[in-house]
Amino acid sequence: MERQLTCDEIFDVLGNRQRRHVLSALLKYDEATTVSELAETTGSENGGNPERIEISLIHSHLPRLEGIGIVEYDPETGMVEPTTAVTDLEPFFELVESW
């Protein structure tokens, strides 16, 4: 049984623009992807530099998201797989988009 995210964890995750872009991309993929593909997708959608995005994903965002159970990240293979917690965040994205 997966644990539920706390309000503090949800607001912390969604409080960072880069993590919101990553989570939005993962909602679209709904399956495992590579860090490189994730960086390319978020970079092309938001005008960011994919190389810089990939570095920030590897060193900051993915470890944080994995630590609270939102993704499964394997640094050895570079694979990122969303957990069910990603879909639990979907209503928050709808709320943000409506503002």
N, C-alpha and C. Protein backbone atom coordinates (compact mmCIF):
# COMPACT_ATOMS: atom_id res chain seq x y z
N MET A 1 0.84 -1.19 0.00
CA MET A 1 0.00 0.00 0.00
C MET A 1 0.88 1.24 0.00
N GLU A 2 0.62 2.13 -0.95
CA GLU A 2 1.41 3.35 -1.03
C GLU A 2 0.90 4.36 -0.02
N ARG A 3 1.81 5.13 0.52
CA ARG A 3 1.40 6.15 1.47
C ARG A 3 0.88 7.36 0.72
N GLN A 4 0.02 8.11 1.36
CA GLN A 4 -0.52 9.32 0.75
C GLN A 4 0.43 10.48 1.01
N LEU A 5 0.53 11.37 0.02
CA LEU A 5 1.35 12.56 0.17
C LEU A 5 0.69 13.50 1.17
N THR A 6 1.52 14.17 1.96
CA THR A 6 0.99 15.18 2.88
C THR A 6 0.78 16.48 2.12
N CYS A 7 0.01 17.38 2.69
CA CYS A 7 -0.20 18.70 2.07
C CYS A 7 1.12 19.42 1.90
N ASP A 8 2.00 19.34 2.89
CA ASP A 8 3.30 20.00 2.80
C ASP A 8 4.11 19.45 1.63
N GLU A 9 4.09 18.13 1.44
CA GLU A 9 4.82 17.53 0.33
C GLU A 9 4.25 17.98 -1.01
N ILE A 10 2.94 18.01 -1.11
CA ILE A 10 2.29 18.43 -2.35
C ILE A 10 2.65 19.86 -2.69
N PHE A 11 2.55 20.76 -1.71
CA PHE A 11 2.86 22.16 -1.96
C PHE A 11 4.34 22.36 -2.25
N ASP A 12 5.20 21.59 -1.60
CA ASP A 12 6.64 21.68 -1.86
C ASP A 12 6.93 21.26 -3.30
N VAL A 13 6.37 20.15 -3.72
CA VAL A 13 6.60 19.65 -5.08
C VAL A 13 6.06 20.62 -6.12
N LEU A 14 4.84 21.07 -5.92
CA LEU A 14 4.21 21.95 -6.90
C LEU A 14 4.70 23.40 -6.80
N GLY A 15 5.43 23.71 -5.76
CA GLY A 15 5.95 25.06 -5.58
C GLY A 15 7.13 25.38 -6.47
N ASN A 16 7.66 24.38 -7.16
CA ASN A 16 8.80 24.59 -8.05
C ASN A 16 8.34 24.40 -9.50
N ARG A 17 8.57 25.41 -10.33
CA ARG A 17 8.11 25.39 -11.72
C ARG A 17 8.66 24.20 -12.51
N GLN A 18 9.96 23.91 -12.34
CA GLN A 18 10.56 22.80 -13.08
C GLN A 18 9.92 21.48 -12.71
N ARG A 19 9.65 21.28 -11.43
CA ARG A 19 8.99 20.03 -11.02
C ARG A 19 7.57 19.95 -11.58
N ARG A 20 6.86 21.09 -11.65
CA ARG A 20 5.52 21.07 -12.25
C ARG A 20 5.60 20.65 -13.71
N HIS A 21 6.59 21.15 -14.44
CA HIS A 21 6.75 20.76 -15.84
C HIS A 21 7.06 19.27 -15.96
N VAL A 22 7.90 18.77 -15.10
CA VAL A 22 8.26 17.34 -15.12
C VAL A 22 7.02 16.49 -14.83
N LEU A 23 6.28 16.87 -13.81
CA LEU A 23 5.10 16.10 -13.45
C LEU A 23 4.04 16.15 -14.55
N SER A 24 3.89 17.29 -15.17
CA SER A 24 2.96 17.42 -16.28
C SER A 24 3.35 16.49 -17.43
N ALA A 25 4.65 16.43 -17.73
CA ALA A 25 5.13 15.53 -18.79
C ALA A 25 4.90 14.07 -18.40
N LEU A 26 5.15 13.74 -17.14
CA LEU A 26 4.94 12.36 -16.70
C LEU A 26 3.47 11.96 -16.76
N LEU A 27 2.58 12.90 -16.53
CA LEU A 27 1.15 12.60 -16.67
C LEU A 27 0.81 12.24 -18.11
N LYS A 28 1.49 12.89 -19.05
CA LYS A 28 1.25 12.60 -20.47
C LYS A 28 1.84 11.25 -20.87
N TYR A 29 3.06 10.95 -20.36
CA TYR A 29 3.71 9.68 -20.71
C TYR A 29 2.98 8.50 -20.11
N ASP A 30 2.69 8.58 -18.81
CA ASP A 30 2.01 7.52 -18.07
C ASP A 30 2.78 6.19 -18.12
N GLU A 31 4.08 6.26 -18.41
CA GLU A 31 4.92 5.06 -18.39
C GLU A 31 6.36 5.52 -18.21
N ALA A 32 7.27 4.58 -18.10
CA ALA A 32 8.68 4.91 -17.88
C ALA A 32 9.25 5.66 -19.08
N THR A 33 10.16 6.57 -18.80
CA THR A 33 10.84 7.33 -19.83
C THR A 33 12.27 7.59 -19.35
N THR A 34 13.09 8.10 -20.21
CA THR A 34 14.46 8.40 -19.79
C THR A 34 14.54 9.85 -19.30
N VAL A 35 15.57 10.12 -18.53
CA VAL A 35 15.81 11.48 -18.04
C VAL A 35 16.01 12.40 -19.24
N SER A 36 16.74 11.93 -20.25
CA SER A 36 16.99 12.74 -21.44
C SER A 36 15.71 13.11 -22.17
N GLU A 37 14.81 12.14 -22.33
CA GLU A 37 13.53 12.42 -22.99
C GLU A 37 12.71 13.41 -22.18
N LEU A 38 12.73 13.24 -20.88
CA LEU A 38 12.00 14.14 -20.00
C LEU A 38 12.55 15.56 -20.10
N ALA A 39 13.86 15.68 -20.14
CA ALA A 39 14.50 17.01 -20.27
C ALA A 39 14.18 17.63 -21.62
N GLU A 40 14.20 16.83 -22.67
CA GLU A 40 13.86 17.33 -24.01
C GLU A 40 12.42 17.82 -24.07
N THR A 41 11.52 17.02 -23.53
CA THR A 41 10.10 17.38 -23.54
C THR A 41 9.84 18.66 -22.76
N THR A 42 10.34 18.73 -21.55
CA THR A 42 10.09 19.92 -20.73
C THR A 42 10.81 21.13 -21.30
N GLY A 43 11.97 20.93 -21.88
CA GLY A 43 12.70 22.05 -22.48
C GLY A 43 12.00 22.59 -23.71
N SER A 44 11.53 21.71 -24.57
CA SER A 44 10.88 22.16 -25.81
C SER A 44 9.54 22.82 -25.53
N GLU A 45 8.84 22.36 -24.51
CA GLU A 45 7.53 22.93 -24.18
C GLU A 45 7.66 24.30 -23.49
N ASN A 46 8.81 24.55 -22.85
CA ASN A 46 8.91 25.74 -22.02
C ASN A 46 10.10 26.62 -22.37
N GLY A 47 10.75 26.35 -23.50
CA GLY A 47 11.85 27.19 -23.94
C GLY A 47 13.10 27.09 -23.09
N GLY A 48 13.28 25.97 -22.39
CA GLY A 48 14.46 25.78 -21.56
C GLY A 48 15.55 25.02 -22.29
N ASN A 49 16.72 25.04 -21.72
CA ASN A 49 17.87 24.33 -22.25
C ASN A 49 17.83 22.88 -21.75
N PRO A 50 17.62 21.91 -22.64
CA PRO A 50 17.50 20.51 -22.21
C PRO A 50 18.70 19.99 -21.43
N GLU A 51 19.91 20.43 -21.77
CA GLU A 51 21.09 19.96 -21.05
C GLU A 51 21.08 20.44 -19.60
N ARG A 52 20.74 21.70 -19.41
CA ARG A 52 20.67 22.25 -18.05
C ARG A 52 19.53 21.61 -17.27
N ILE A 53 18.42 21.39 -17.95
CA ILE A 53 17.27 20.75 -17.31
C ILE A 53 17.64 19.34 -16.86
N GLU A 54 18.33 18.61 -17.73
CA GLU A 54 18.73 17.23 -17.38
C GLU A 54 19.62 17.22 -16.14
N ILE A 55 20.55 18.15 -16.06
CA ILE A 55 21.44 18.23 -14.89
C ILE A 55 20.63 18.50 -13.63
N SER A 56 19.68 19.44 -13.70
CA SER A 56 18.88 19.75 -12.51
C SER A 56 17.96 18.58 -12.14
N LEU A 57 17.49 17.85 -13.15
CA LEU A 57 16.67 16.67 -12.86
C LEU A 57 17.48 15.62 -12.12
N ILE A 58 18.67 15.34 -12.62
CA ILE A 58 19.52 14.30 -12.03
C ILE A 58 19.95 14.64 -10.61
N HIS A 59 20.34 15.88 -10.40
CA HIS A 59 20.94 16.26 -9.12
C HIS A 59 19.96 16.78 -8.08
N SER A 60 18.78 17.18 -8.52
CA SER A 60 17.87 17.79 -7.55
C SER A 60 16.45 17.22 -7.60
N HIS A 61 15.79 17.42 -8.71
CA HIS A 61 14.35 17.16 -8.77
C HIS A 61 13.98 15.68 -8.70
N LEU A 62 14.65 14.83 -9.46
CA LEU A 62 14.28 13.41 -9.45
C LEU A 62 14.56 12.74 -8.10
N PRO A 63 15.71 13.00 -7.48
CA PRO A 63 15.90 12.43 -6.14
C PRO A 63 14.83 12.88 -5.14
N ARG A 64 14.42 14.15 -5.23
CA ARG A 64 13.39 14.65 -4.32
C ARG A 64 12.05 13.96 -4.61
N LEU A 65 11.69 13.86 -5.89
CA LEU A 65 10.43 13.22 -6.25
C LEU A 65 10.42 11.74 -5.88
N GLU A 66 11.56 11.10 -6.03
CA GLU A 66 11.65 9.69 -5.65
C GLU A 66 11.56 9.54 -4.13
N GLY A 67 12.18 10.46 -3.42
CA GLY A 67 12.19 10.40 -1.96
C GLY A 67 10.82 10.44 -1.32
N ILE A 68 9.87 11.08 -1.99
CA ILE A 68 8.52 11.11 -1.44
C ILE A 68 7.55 10.20 -2.19
N GLY A 69 8.09 9.38 -3.09
CA GLY A 69 7.29 8.33 -3.72
C GLY A 69 6.49 8.74 -4.94
N ILE A 70 6.87 9.84 -5.59
CA ILE A 70 6.13 10.27 -6.77
C ILE A 70 6.65 9.60 -8.03
N VAL A 71 7.94 9.32 -8.07
CA VAL A 71 8.53 8.61 -9.20
C VAL A 71 9.45 7.52 -8.68
N GLU A 72 9.74 6.58 -9.55
CA GLU A 72 10.82 5.62 -9.33
C GLU A 72 11.91 6.00 -10.31
N TYR A 73 13.08 6.31 -9.80
CA TYR A 73 14.18 6.80 -10.62
C TYR A 73 15.37 5.88 -10.44
N ASP A 74 15.92 5.40 -11.55
CA ASP A 74 17.10 4.55 -11.52
C ASP A 74 18.27 5.32 -12.16
N PRO A 75 19.17 5.86 -11.34
CA PRO A 75 20.29 6.62 -11.88
C PRO A 75 21.21 5.81 -12.79
N GLU A 76 21.26 4.51 -12.57
CA GLU A 76 22.11 3.64 -13.39
C GLU A 76 21.64 3.59 -14.84
N THR A 77 20.34 3.46 -15.03
CA THR A 77 19.79 3.34 -16.39
C THR A 77 19.25 4.67 -16.92
N GLY A 78 19.04 5.62 -16.00
CA GLY A 78 18.47 6.90 -16.40
C GLY A 78 16.97 6.84 -16.65
N MET A 79 16.32 5.81 -16.13
CA MET A 79 14.88 5.64 -16.34
C MET A 79 14.08 6.27 -15.19
N VAL A 80 12.98 6.89 -15.58
CA VAL A 80 12.07 7.52 -14.63
C VAL A 80 10.69 6.95 -14.88
N GLU A 81 10.06 6.44 -13.82
CA GLU A 81 8.72 5.87 -13.96
C GLU A 81 7.80 6.52 -12.94
N PRO A 82 6.68 7.06 -13.40
CA PRO A 82 5.73 7.67 -12.46
C PRO A 82 5.05 6.60 -11.61
N THR A 83 4.75 6.95 -10.37
CA THR A 83 3.95 6.07 -9.52
C THR A 83 2.51 6.58 -9.56
N THR A 84 1.64 5.93 -8.84
CA THR A 84 0.25 6.38 -8.82
C THR A 84 0.12 7.75 -8.17
N ALA A 85 1.11 8.17 -7.41
CA ALA A 85 1.07 9.49 -6.77
C ALA A 85 1.03 10.60 -7.81
N VAL A 86 1.58 10.38 -9.00
CA VAL A 86 1.53 11.40 -10.06
C VAL A 86 0.08 11.68 -10.44
N THR A 87 -0.70 10.64 -10.60
CA THR A 87 -2.10 10.86 -10.96
C THR A 87 -2.88 11.48 -9.80
N ASP A 88 -2.43 11.24 -8.57
CA ASP A 88 -3.07 11.88 -7.41
C ASP A 88 -2.89 13.39 -7.45
N LEU A 89 -1.85 13.86 -8.13
CA LEU A 89 -1.58 15.30 -8.22
C LEU A 89 -2.35 15.97 -9.35
N GLU A 90 -2.95 15.19 -10.22
CA GLU A 90 -3.64 15.74 -11.39
C GLU A 90 -4.69 16.80 -11.05
N PRO A 91 -5.51 16.62 -10.02
CA PRO A 91 -6.49 17.68 -9.70
C PRO A 91 -5.84 19.03 -9.38
N PHE A 92 -4.65 18.98 -8.80
CA PHE A 92 -3.94 20.22 -8.49
C PHE A 92 -3.52 20.95 -9.76
N PHE A 93 -3.14 20.19 -10.78
CA PHE A 93 -2.77 20.80 -12.07
C PHE A 93 -3.98 21.46 -12.70
N GLU A 94 -5.12 20.80 -12.60
CA GLU A 94 -6.35 21.39 -13.15
C GLU A 94 -6.68 22.70 -12.43
N LEU A 95 -6.47 22.74 -11.13
CA LEU A 95 -6.72 23.94 -10.35
C LEU A 95 -5.79 25.06 -10.76
N VAL A 96 -4.50 24.75 -10.93
CA VAL A 96 -3.52 25.75 -11.31
C VAL A 96 -3.83 26.31 -12.71
N GLU A 97 -4.22 25.44 -13.64
CA GLU A 97 -4.54 25.86 -14.99
C GLU A 97 -5.76 26.77 -15.04
N SER A 98 -6.67 26.62 -14.08
CA SER A 98 -7.88 27.43 -14.09
C SER A 98 -7.63 28.85 -13.58
N TRP A 99 -6.47 29.10 -12.98
CA TRP A 99 -6.15 30.45 -12.48
C TRP A 99 -5.62 31.25 -13.58
